[in-house]
């Protein structure tokens, strides 16, 4: 096998352009079959939620391979640890989205864990990277996209320092956790906070994504200037479909 072949088929990093409109499908249920179906819908990328989702290492590997043959795969890592970040990339994810980044130190730790030396401290290994060899690891390193999730009040406070971190490729706002960390804020105030984060990211040359719950909210967020949105999630679609079916059966 040629060593120039990357550990993933489709890169996400080249899509991160100013004015981009990237539509993501978010998967939490741990189903490789759903990952394959989602990829057939041709989203900009599929997100595998390893923090709150039901993914295990073997299903992660399978989903990254199956869905990744069609579209870029983003792994929302379980946490900020080097092991969580490296295992997601070793599985063949084209990008990682690390949760709960609250400080510049957190952002620097993310970059260090996501890059091979001399840029970082990621260890060489994993089935897919090793199959393709050391040259492919180096080539893949330049194509991996690293994203920081800002989703707490402390993260908002430190947003400028986070966004100034060298090696970050994008910012993604976790609206649910952000609202939880601001219990006294109104929805309007949370939305204004997200807008400030978007402007901060853009001021540092970084595209900014927003977690949205459906296609309507996603369309509105794109109109407001966010580059990445969630158009659908497997849990949301399943719940909506079952609810509508029950309602329709009683008419």
C-alpha atoms as a PDB file:
ATOM      1  CA  UNK A   1       0.000   0.000   0.000  1.00  0.00           C
ATOM      2  CA  UNK A   2       1.460   3.419  -0.916  1.00  0.00           C
ATOM      3  CA  UNK A   3       2.720   5.323   2.100  1.00  0.00           C
ATOM      4  CA  UNK A   4       1.258   8.576   0.750  1.00  0.00           C
ATOM      5  CA  UNK A   5      -2.305   7.392   1.471  1.00  0.00           C
ATOM      6  CA  UNK A   6      -3.715   9.295   4.447  1.00  0.00           C
ATOM      7  CA  UNK A   7      -5.176   7.483   7.481  1.00  0.00           C
ATOM      8  CA  UNK A   8      -8.571   8.920   6.461  1.00  0.00           C
ATOM      9  CA  UNK A   9     -10.191   9.236   3.055  1.00  0.00           C
ATOM     10  CA  UNK A  10     -11.885  12.629   3.265  1.00  0.00           C
ATOM     11  CA  UNK A  11     -10.268  15.656   4.918  1.00  0.00           C
ATOM     12  CA  UNK A  12     -12.321  18.170   6.866  1.00  0.00           C
ATOM     13  CA  UNK A  13      -9.643  20.839   7.162  1.00  0.00           C
ATOM     14  CA  UNK A  14      -9.868  22.119   3.545  1.00  0.00           C
ATOM     15  CA  UNK A  15     -13.580  22.820   4.092  1.00  0.00           C
ATOM     16  CA  UNK A  16     -12.822  25.299   6.864  1.00  0.00           C
ATOM     17  CA  UNK A  17     -12.931  28.397   4.711  1.00  0.00           C
ATOM     18  CA  UNK A  18     -14.290  31.904   5.453  1.00  0.00           C
ATOM     19  CA  UNK A  19     -17.976  32.007   4.661  1.00  0.00           C
ATOM     20  CA  UNK A  20     -18.306  28.229   4.603  1.00  0.00           C
ATOM     21  CA  UNK A  21     -21.694  26.640   5.264  1.00  0.00           C
ATOM     22  CA  UNK A  22     -20.919  23.220   6.706  1.00  0.00           C
ATOM     23  CA  UNK A  23     -23.885  21.036   7.609  1.00  0.00           C
ATOM     24  CA  UNK A  24     -23.159  18.281  10.121  1.00  0.00           C
ATOM     25  CA  UNK A  25     -25.063  15.166  11.173  1.00  0.00           C
ATOM     26  CA  UNK A  26     -24.529  14.305  14.859  1.00  0.00           C
ATOM     27  CA  UNK A  27     -24.518  10.650  15.909  1.00  0.00           C
ATOM     28  CA  UNK A  28     -24.722   9.464  19.517  1.00  0.00           C
ATOM     29  CA  UNK A  29     -26.428   6.065  19.434  1.00  0.00           C
ATOM     30  CA  UNK A  30     -23.301   4.095  18.553  1.00  0.00           C
ATOM     31  CA  UNK A  31     -24.784   2.486  15.443  1.00  0.00           C
ATOM     32  CA  UNK A  32     -22.416   1.864  12.555  1.00  0.00           C
ATOM     33  CA  UNK A  33     -25.433   1.198  10.347  1.00  0.00           C
ATOM     34  CA  UNK A  34     -26.810   4.670  11.104  1.00  0.00           C
ATOM     35  CA  UNK A  35     -23.385   6.140  10.407  1.00  0.00           C
ATOM     36  CA  UNK A  36     -23.454   4.541   6.965  1.00  0.00           C
ATOM     37  CA  UNK A  37     -26.971   5.824   6.311  1.00  0.00           C
ATOM     38  CA  UNK A  38     -26.057   9.312   7.516  1.00  0.00           C
ATOM     39  CA  UNK A  39     -23.041   9.438   5.200  1.00  0.00           C
ATOM     40  CA  UNK A  40     -25.289   8.591   2.239  1.00  0.00           C
ATOM     41  CA  UNK A  41     -27.165  11.854   2.885  1.00  0.00           C
ATOM     42  CA  UNK A  42     -23.921  13.658   1.908  1.00  0.00           C
ATOM     43  CA  UNK A  43     -23.482  16.026   4.874  1.00  0.00           C
ATOM     44  CA  UNK A  44     -20.352  18.135   5.091  1.00  0.00           C
ATOM     45  CA  UNK A  45     -19.251  15.782   7.878  1.00  0.00           C
ATOM     46  CA  UNK A  46     -20.554  13.218  10.346  1.00  0.00           C
ATOM     47  CA  UNK A  47     -19.870  13.822  14.051  1.00  0.00           C
ATOM     48  CA  UNK A  48     -19.403  10.813  16.327  1.00  0.00           C
ATOM     49  CA  UNK A  49     -20.119  11.900  19.908  1.00  0.00           C
ATOM     50  CA  UNK A  50     -17.677   9.994  22.104  1.00  0.00           C
ATOM     51  CA  UNK A  51     -18.348  12.145  25.162  1.00  0.00           C
ATOM     52  CA  UNK A  52     -22.032  11.434  25.713  1.00  0.00           C
ATOM     53  CA  UNK A  53     -22.717   8.897  22.970  1.00  0.00           C
ATOM     54  CA  UNK A  54     -22.744   5.097  23.067  1.00  0.00           C
ATOM     55  CA  UNK A  55     -19.647   4.575  20.924  1.00  0.00           C
ATOM     56  CA  UNK A  56     -17.011   2.032  21.913  1.00  0.00           C
ATOM     57  CA  UNK A  57     -13.556   1.670  20.369  1.00  0.00           C
ATOM     58  CA  UNK A  58     -14.553  -1.078  17.942  1.00  0.00           C
ATOM     59  CA  UNK A  59     -17.732   0.675  16.802  1.00  0.00           C
ATOM     60  CA  UNK A  60     -15.758   3.915  16.480  1.00  0.00           C
ATOM     61  CA  UNK A  61     -13.249   2.177  14.206  1.00  0.00           C
ATOM     62  CA  UNK A  62     -16.055   0.663  12.143  1.00  0.00           C
ATOM     63  CA  UNK A  63     -18.037   3.898  11.812  1.00  0.00           C
ATOM     64  CA  UNK A  64     -14.932   5.933  10.966  1.00  0.00           C
ATOM     65  CA  UNK A  65     -14.116   3.452   8.219  1.00  0.00           C
ATOM     66  CA  UNK A  66     -17.615   3.087   6.779  1.00  0.00           C
ATOM     67  CA  UNK A  67     -18.817   6.679   7.011  1.00  0.00           C
ATOM     68  CA  UNK A  68     -15.318   8.020   6.416  1.00  0.00           C
ATOM     69  CA  UNK A  69     -15.242   6.394   2.999  1.00  0.00           C
ATOM     70  CA  UNK A  70     -18.014   8.826   1.988  1.00  0.00           C
ATOM     71  CA  UNK A  71     -17.579  12.016   4.040  1.00  0.00           C
ATOM     72  CA  UNK A  72     -15.218  13.493   6.649  1.00  0.00           C
ATOM     73  CA  UNK A  73     -15.649  12.124  10.160  1.00  0.00           C
ATOM     74  CA  UNK A  74     -15.328  14.381  13.213  1.00  0.00           C
ATOM     75  CA  UNK A  75     -14.888  12.801  16.630  1.00  0.00           C
ATOM     76  CA  UNK A  76     -16.195  14.730  19.588  1.00  0.00           C
ATOM     77  CA  UNK A  77     -13.731  13.251  22.034  1.00  0.00           C
ATOM     78  CA  UNK A  78     -14.640  11.884  25.450  1.00  0.00           C
ATOM     79  CA  UNK A  79     -12.490  14.531  27.131  1.00  0.00           C
ATOM     80  CA  UNK A  80      -9.313  16.552  26.712  1.00  0.00           C
ATOM     81  CA  UNK A  81      -6.940  13.736  27.621  1.00  0.00           C
ATOM     82  CA  UNK A  82      -4.171  12.773  25.173  1.00  0.00           C
ATOM     83  CA  UNK A  83      -5.490   9.201  25.137  1.00  0.00           C
ATOM     84  CA  UNK A  84      -9.005  10.266  24.140  1.00  0.00           C
ATOM     85  CA  UNK A  85      -7.762  12.575  21.398  1.00  0.00           C
ATOM     86  CA  UNK A  86      -5.181  10.160  20.009  1.00  0.00           C
ATOM     87  CA  UNK A  87      -7.525   7.162  19.983  1.00  0.00           C
ATOM     88  CA  UNK A  88     -10.108   9.115  17.973  1.00  0.00           C
ATOM     89  CA  UNK A  89      -7.485  10.127  15.429  1.00  0.00           C
ATOM     90  CA  UNK A  90      -5.970   6.640  15.365  1.00  0.00           C
ATOM     91  CA  UNK A  91      -9.419   5.316  14.455  1.00  0.00           C
ATOM     92  CA  UNK A  92      -9.384   7.429  11.306  1.00  0.00           C
ATOM     93  CA  UNK A  93     -11.248  10.585  12.288  1.00  0.00           C
ATOM     94  CA  UNK A  94     -10.317  13.518  10.056  1.00  0.00           C
ATOM     95  CA  UNK A  95     -10.965  15.987  12.864  1.00  0.00           C
ATOM     96  CA  UNK A  96     -11.489  16.113  16.590  1.00  0.00           C
ATOM     97  CA  UNK A  97     -13.751  18.432  18.529  1.00  0.00           C
ATOM     98  CA  UNK A  98     -12.588  18.484  22.141  1.00  0.00           C
ATOM     99  CA  UNK A  99     -15.205  19.314  24.796  1.00  0.00           C
ATOM    100  CA  UNK A 100     -15.096  21.790  27.663  1.00  0.00           C
ATOM    101  CA  UNK A 101     -12.100  23.843  26.579  1.00  0.00           C
ATOM    102  CA  UNK A 102     -12.029  26.598  29.198  1.00  0.00           C
ATOM    103  CA  UNK A 103      -8.537  28.087  29.112  1.00  0.00           C
ATOM    104  CA  UNK A 104      -5.620  28.702  26.787  1.00  0.00           C
ATOM    105  CA  UNK A 105      -3.812  25.892  28.620  1.00  0.00           C
ATOM    106  CA  UNK A 106      -6.650  23.545  27.662  1.00  0.00           C
ATOM    107  CA  UNK A 107      -6.378  24.646  24.040  1.00  0.00           C
ATOM    108  CA  UNK A 108      -2.610  24.142  24.018  1.00  0.00           C
ATOM    109  CA  UNK A 109      -3.077  20.670  25.524  1.00  0.00           C
ATOM    110  CA  UNK A 110      -5.508  19.832  22.725  1.00  0.00           C
ATOM    111  CA  UNK A 111      -3.028  20.897  20.061  1.00  0.00           C
ATOM    112  CA  UNK A 112      -0.194  18.981  21.729  1.00  0.00           C
ATOM    113  CA  UNK A 113      -2.280  15.801  21.939  1.00  0.00           C
ATOM    114  CA  UNK A 114      -3.454  16.091  18.333  1.00  0.00           C
ATOM    115  CA  UNK A 115      -0.092  16.601  16.608  1.00  0.00           C
ATOM    116  CA  UNK A 116       2.949  14.363  16.202  1.00  0.00           C
ATOM    117  CA  UNK A 117       6.357  15.672  17.283  1.00  0.00           C
ATOM    118  CA  UNK A 118       7.857  18.189  16.902  1.00  0.00           C
ATOM    119  CA  UNK A 119       4.556  20.124  16.831  1.00  0.00           C
ATOM    120  CA  UNK A 120       2.948  18.042  19.564  1.00  0.00           C
ATOM    121  CA  UNK A 121       3.207  14.880  21.636  1.00  0.00           C
ATOM    122  CA  UNK A 122       0.867  12.480  19.860  1.00  0.00           C
ATOM    123  CA  UNK A 123       2.212   8.932  19.869  1.00  0.00           C
ATOM    124  CA  UNK A 124       2.558   7.074  16.589  1.00  0.00           C
ATOM    125  CA  UNK A 125       0.261   4.056  16.385  1.00  0.00           C
ATOM    126  CA  UNK A 126      -3.231   2.834  15.661  1.00  0.00           C
ATOM    127  CA  UNK A 127      -4.283   0.309  13.039  1.00  0.00           C
ATOM    128  CA  UNK A 128      -5.073   2.729  10.218  1.00  0.00           C
ATOM    129  CA  UNK A 129      -2.046   4.998  10.644  1.00  0.00           C
ATOM    130  CA  UNK A 130       0.346   2.033  10.947  1.00  0.00           C
ATOM    131  CA  UNK A 131      -1.077   0.356   7.840  1.00  0.00           C
ATOM    132  CA  UNK A 132      -0.108   3.406   5.829  1.00  0.00           C
ATOM    133  CA  UNK A 133       3.293   4.022   7.376  1.00  0.00           C
ATOM    134  CA  UNK A 134       5.266   6.870   8.881  1.00  0.00           C
ATOM    135  CA  UNK A 135       5.153   9.095   5.809  1.00  0.00           C
ATOM    136  CA  UNK A 136       1.373   8.921   5.820  1.00  0.00           C
ATOM    137  CA  UNK A 137       1.310   9.826   9.506  1.00  0.00           C
ATOM    138  CA  UNK A 138       3.314  12.959   8.737  1.00  0.00           C
ATOM    139  CA  UNK A 139       1.108  13.833   5.774  1.00  0.00           C
ATOM    140  CA  UNK A 140      -2.041  13.180   7.787  1.00  0.00           C
ATOM    141  CA  UNK A 141      -0.786  15.409  10.594  1.00  0.00           C
ATOM    142  CA  UNK A 142      -1.028  18.436   8.326  1.00  0.00           C
ATOM    143  CA  UNK A 143      -4.572  17.504   7.303  1.00  0.00           C
ATOM    144  CA  UNK A 144      -6.058  16.765  10.734  1.00  0.00           C
ATOM    145  CA  UNK A 145      -8.383  19.521  11.943  1.00  0.00           C
ATOM    146  CA  UNK A 146      -8.403  20.368  15.651  1.00  0.00           C
ATOM    147  CA  UNK A 147     -11.448  22.098  17.106  1.00  0.00           C
ATOM    148  CA  UNK A 148     -12.060  23.474  20.589  1.00  0.00           C
ATOM    149  CA  UNK A 149     -15.553  23.377  22.059  1.00  0.00           C
ATOM    150  CA  UNK A 150     -16.304  26.456  24.151  1.00  0.00           C
ATOM    151  CA  UNK A 151     -19.340  25.576  26.230  1.00  0.00           C
ATOM    152  CA  UNK A 152     -18.994  27.113  29.681  1.00  0.00           C
ATOM    153  CA  UNK A 153     -19.071  30.597  31.163  1.00  0.00           C
ATOM    154  CA  UNK A 154     -15.367  30.251  32.011  1.00  0.00           C
ATOM    155  CA  UNK A 155     -14.614  29.319  28.416  1.00  0.00           C
ATOM    156  CA  UNK A 156     -16.469  32.432  27.273  1.00  0.00           C
ATOM    157  CA  UNK A 157     -14.416  34.550  29.670  1.00  0.00           C
ATOM    158  CA  UNK A 158     -11.196  33.129  28.205  1.00  0.00           C
ATOM    159  CA  UNK A 159     -12.389  32.983  24.602  1.00  0.00           C
ATOM    160  CA  UNK A 160      -9.855  35.441  23.186  1.00  0.00           C
ATOM    161  CA  UNK A 161      -6.917  33.543  24.687  1.00  0.00           C
ATOM    162  CA  UNK A 162      -8.330  30.218  23.521  1.00  0.00           C
ATOM    163  CA  UNK A 163      -8.845  31.478  19.976  1.00  0.00           C
ATOM    164  CA  UNK A 164      -5.306  32.882  19.890  1.00  0.00           C
ATOM    165  CA  UNK A 165      -3.832  29.404  20.444  1.00  0.00           C
ATOM    166  CA  UNK A 166      -1.572  28.413  17.573  1.00  0.00           C
ATOM    167  CA  UNK A 167      -2.617  25.169  15.913  1.00  0.00           C
ATOM    168  CA  UNK A 168      -6.373  25.410  16.435  1.00  0.00           C
ATOM    169  CA  UNK A 169      -8.457  25.104  13.268  1.00  0.00           C
ATOM    170  CA  UNK A 170     -11.959  25.942  14.470  1.00  0.00           C
ATOM    171  CA  UNK A 171     -14.184  26.808  17.414  1.00  0.00           C
ATOM    172  CA  UNK A 172     -17.474  25.068  18.137  1.00  0.00           C
ATOM    173  CA  UNK A 173     -20.018  26.357  20.649  1.00  0.00           C
ATOM    174  CA  UNK A 174     -21.829  23.775  22.752  1.00  0.00           C
ATOM    175  CA  UNK A 175     -25.083  25.580  23.406  1.00  0.00           C
ATOM    176  CA  UNK A 176     -26.529  23.064  25.866  1.00  0.00           C
ATOM    177  CA  UNK A 177     -23.647  23.091  28.323  1.00  0.00           C
ATOM    178  CA  UNK A 178     -23.219  26.819  27.871  1.00  0.00           C
ATOM    179  CA  UNK A 179     -26.806  27.414  28.957  1.00  0.00           C
ATOM    180  CA  UNK A 180     -26.320  25.064  31.926  1.00  0.00           C
ATOM    181  CA  UNK A 181     -23.271  27.048  33.039  1.00  0.00           C
ATOM    182  CA  UNK A 182     -25.287  30.297  32.891  1.00  0.00           C
ATOM    183  CA  UNK A 183     -28.393  29.343  34.914  1.00  0.00           C
ATOM    184  CA  UNK A 184     -29.565  32.924  35.393  1.00  0.00           C
ATOM    185  CA  UNK A 185     -29.221  33.888  31.727  1.00  0.00           C
ATOM    186  CA  UNK A 186     -32.235  34.141  29.447  1.00  0.00           C
ATOM    187  CA  UNK A 187     -32.220  32.378  26.053  1.00  0.00           C
ATOM    188  CA  UNK A 188     -31.712  35.759  24.457  1.00  0.00           C
ATOM    189  CA  UNK A 189     -28.660  36.412  26.623  1.00  0.00           C
ATOM    190  CA  UNK A 190     -27.201  32.991  25.790  1.00  0.00           C
ATOM    191  CA  UNK A 191     -27.717  33.689  22.088  1.00  0.00           C
ATOM    192  CA  UNK A 192     -25.962  37.057  22.449  1.00  0.00           C
ATOM    193  CA  UNK A 193     -23.087  35.305  24.232  1.00  0.00           C
ATOM    194  CA  UNK A 194     -22.775  32.869  21.313  1.00  0.00           C
ATOM    195  CA  UNK A 195     -22.671  35.781  18.886  1.00  0.00           C
ATOM    196  CA  UNK A 196     -19.821  37.360  20.856  1.00  0.00           C
ATOM    197  CA  UNK A 197     -17.934  34.060  20.725  1.00  0.00           C
ATOM    198  CA  UNK A 198     -18.459  33.891  16.967  1.00  0.00           C
ATOM    199  CA  UNK A 199     -17.061  37.387  16.525  1.00  0.00           C
ATOM    200  CA  UNK A 200     -14.067  36.544  18.725  1.00  0.00           C
ATOM    201  CA  UNK A 201     -13.329  33.409  16.707  1.00  0.00           C
ATOM    202  CA  UNK A 202     -13.602  35.327  13.443  1.00  0.00           C
ATOM    203  CA  UNK A 203     -11.316  38.057  14.768  1.00  0.00           C
ATOM    204  CA  UNK A 204      -8.661  35.365  15.204  1.00  0.00           C
ATOM    205  CA  UNK A 205      -9.264  33.880  11.766  1.00  0.00           C
ATOM    206  CA  UNK A 206     -11.109  30.804  13.012  1.00  0.00           C
ATOM    207  CA  UNK A 207     -14.424  29.499  11.663  1.00  0.00           C
ATOM    208  CA  UNK A 208     -17.086  29.050  14.321  1.00  0.00           C
ATOM    209  CA  UNK A 209     -19.704  26.338  14.646  1.00  0.00           C
ATOM    210  CA  UNK A 210     -22.875  26.226  16.714  1.00  0.00           C
ATOM    211  CA  UNK A 211     -24.758  23.221  18.021  1.00  0.00           C
ATOM    212  CA  UNK A 212     -28.271  23.483  16.604  1.00  0.00           C
ATOM    213  CA  UNK A 213     -31.098  21.033  17.183  1.00  0.00           C
ATOM    214  CA  UNK A 214     -32.791  20.899  13.791  1.00  0.00           C
ATOM    215  CA  UNK A 215     -32.650  22.081  10.204  1.00  0.00           C
ATOM    216  CA  UNK A 216     -34.639  25.250  10.868  1.00  0.00           C
ATOM    217  CA  UNK A 217     -32.259  26.404  13.613  1.00  0.00           C
ATOM    218  CA  UNK A 218     -29.300  25.345  11.482  1.00  0.00           C
ATOM    219  CA  UNK A 219     -30.478  27.467   8.550  1.00  0.00           C
ATOM    220  CA  UNK A 220     -30.899  30.479  10.853  1.00  0.00           C
ATOM    221  CA  UNK A 221     -27.430  30.028  12.350  1.00  0.00           C
ATOM    222  CA  UNK A 222     -25.829  29.918   8.899  1.00  0.00           C
ATOM    223  CA  UNK A 223     -27.649  33.139   8.037  1.00  0.00           C
ATOM    224  CA  UNK A 224     -26.175  34.707  11.198  1.00  0.00           C
ATOM    225  CA  UNK A 225     -22.635  33.913  10.097  1.00  0.00           C
ATOM    226  CA  UNK A 226     -21.747  30.588  11.736  1.00  0.00           C
ATOM    227  CA  UNK A 227     -19.772  28.283   9.440  1.00  0.00           C
ATOM    228  CA  UNK A 228     -20.830  24.960  10.994  1.00  0.00           C
ATOM    229  CA  UNK A 229     -24.227  23.779  12.177  1.00  0.00           C
ATOM    230  CA  UNK A 230     -25.921  20.530  13.151  1.00  0.00           C
ATOM    231  CA  UNK A 231     -28.813  19.860  10.786  1.00  0.00           C
ATOM    232  CA  UNK A 232     -29.889  16.609  12.449  1.00  0.00           C
ATOM    233  CA  UNK A 233     -29.009  14.135  15.196  1.00  0.00           C
ATOM    234  CA  UNK A 234     -29.860  10.464  15.412  1.00  0.00           C
ATOM    235  CA  UNK A 235     -31.542  10.881  18.815  1.00  0.00           C
ATOM    236  CA  UNK A 236     -33.518  13.904  17.672  1.00  0.00           C
ATOM    237  CA  UNK A 237     -34.722  12.240  14.475  1.00  0.00           C
ATOM    238  CA  UNK A 238     -35.700   9.043  16.276  1.00  0.00           C
ATOM    239  CA  UNK A 239     -37.609  10.881  19.001  1.00  0.00           C
ATOM    240  CA  UNK A 240     -39.342  13.147  16.492  1.00  0.00           C
ATOM    241  CA  UNK A 241     -40.273  10.237  14.258  1.00  0.00           C
ATOM    242  CA  UNK A 242     -41.685   8.109  17.078  1.00  0.00           C
ATOM    243  CA  UNK A 243     -43.562  11.060  18.571  1.00  0.00           C
ATOM    244  CA  UNK A 244     -45.143  11.980  15.247  1.00  0.00           C
ATOM    245  CA  UNK A 245     -46.071   8.360  14.572  1.00  0.00           C
ATOM    246  CA  UNK A 246     -47.813   8.056  17.939  1.00  0.00           C
ATOM    247  CA  UNK A 247     -49.621  11.354  17.400  1.00  0.00           C
ATOM    248  CA  UNK A 248     -50.682  10.445  13.859  1.00  0.00           C
ATOM    249  CA  UNK A 249     -51.961   7.013  14.960  1.00  0.00           C
ATOM    250  CA  UNK A 250     -54.410   8.677  17.338  1.00  0.00           C
ATOM    251  CA  UNK A 251     -56.022  11.035  14.837  1.00  0.00           C
END
